[in-house]
Amino acid sequence: MGYVFYYVEAQLACIFLLGLLLFKINRGINKQLSQIYLGNLIITLIAYSAAEIFWALVDGGCLGSSMTLVYLSNIFTYILLSIAAYIWFILSEIMQKEKYIEHDSNRVLLSIPIWVAAFLCITAYRTGLVYYVDENNILRGGRLYFILVLVPFGYMIAASFNAFRRAFCRNIYTDRYIYLMIGIFPAAPIVLGVLQAMYWRVPFLCYGALAAVFYLYSTYMDNLISIDPLTQLNNKNQMYKYLSQKMHVEEPELPLFLLIVDVDGFKLINDNYGYSEGDKILVRVAGAIKDACQGPRNRFFISRYGGDEFIIVAEMAYRAEASWLADQIKSNVKRLEESIGTPYEVSVSVGIAQYDFEQPISVQSFIARADSDLYQHKKI
């Protein structure tokens, strides 16, 4: 009985902090799908904490100790925990830009384990398959209790596995950061969830869930700050940060190159066809650059530099490789123009500069060298 006050107090604190986070998310405008699911996750966790309060009051005898109340208190907690894990899996796939998750039919299929767990929880009153209440009104695990553990932990482990797998397969710096964050996210809920399974009157899980959500929110906001909203490439600030790091650490046999890509005649496109058409061109050129940079991981960092300019930081063995990459970008843009059939010509110019570690210069000077080479190509 003595633990009930502290258990309820911890859950109320979690509800309050999660509520503050939800308030901040709901105040945002033009919310993306990922923000909507993050809000849904927080709402579910708030409901889970409320269910935990109900469970503690029943377990401590504050609301009586009837068999019906014991069953109800556990049904709510198990089902809400499974729903929270499912929403996290969906959110993690959305944040990784996986298109399949946007289809309602796929999300319904992925929710099947929740329905199975919910059915087993609700019918446990009759079947006792996942748990039952003994003659002393104490909850005991049934033959299929492992399913109630497997469903939420399965969603979280699957989300981590997918994120880590993609983190080491994709070559965009900020994407890898997000994927690693998603992979790490379930660590606190899983570890503290195991501890709560061992010491079930200590609210370990609510602390783990709260820490994980705050970590997710802060990292997600950092990522929004570092991403160009139009092209979804790294922005200028992130590029400066990355380039500065690379200019201080020389990679053996991999010289550092900087390529600056400029859309030819972009101002005329904006003037004649409107800024909306210009934005479409920038998005398509960004896609063409990403396609050209599909190579060994950690070698390319792609960013929008501003306006109609993009910068690629590349580690390559020879300058000829940088020239080949520039030609590949131009070819991709040309093919893009032919496939879409725009009423105007779309082409790009590319300037290249190689960094000399024996004669260090500033980031701005390094970019200026590439910009000078770009200017020469435009003159030609």
Foldseek 3Di string as FASTA:
>chain_A
DVLLVVLLVLLVVLLVVLVVVLVVLVVDPPDDPLSVLLNVLSVLLNQLSVLSNQQSCQVVCVVHQDLVSNLVSVLSNLLSLLVSLLSLLLSLCVLLVPVVSVDPVVSVVSCVLSVVVSVCSVCCDPVVAQWHADPVSDIDGHVPVVSSVCRSVVSLQVSLVVLVVVLQQDAAVLSNVSSNLSNCLCVQQVVQVVVCVVVVSDPSNSVSNSVSSVSNVVSVVVSVVQADVLQRAGEQVVVQVVVVVDLVDDDPLWFKKKKKKAKPPLVVCCVPPNVVVSSVLLNQLSVLLSVLPNDRHPAWYWYAHDDRMIMIIGTHNDVVVVVVSQVSSQVSSQVVCVVVVDPDDIGMFMFMFTADSVDDDHPVVRVVNSVVRSVVRVVD
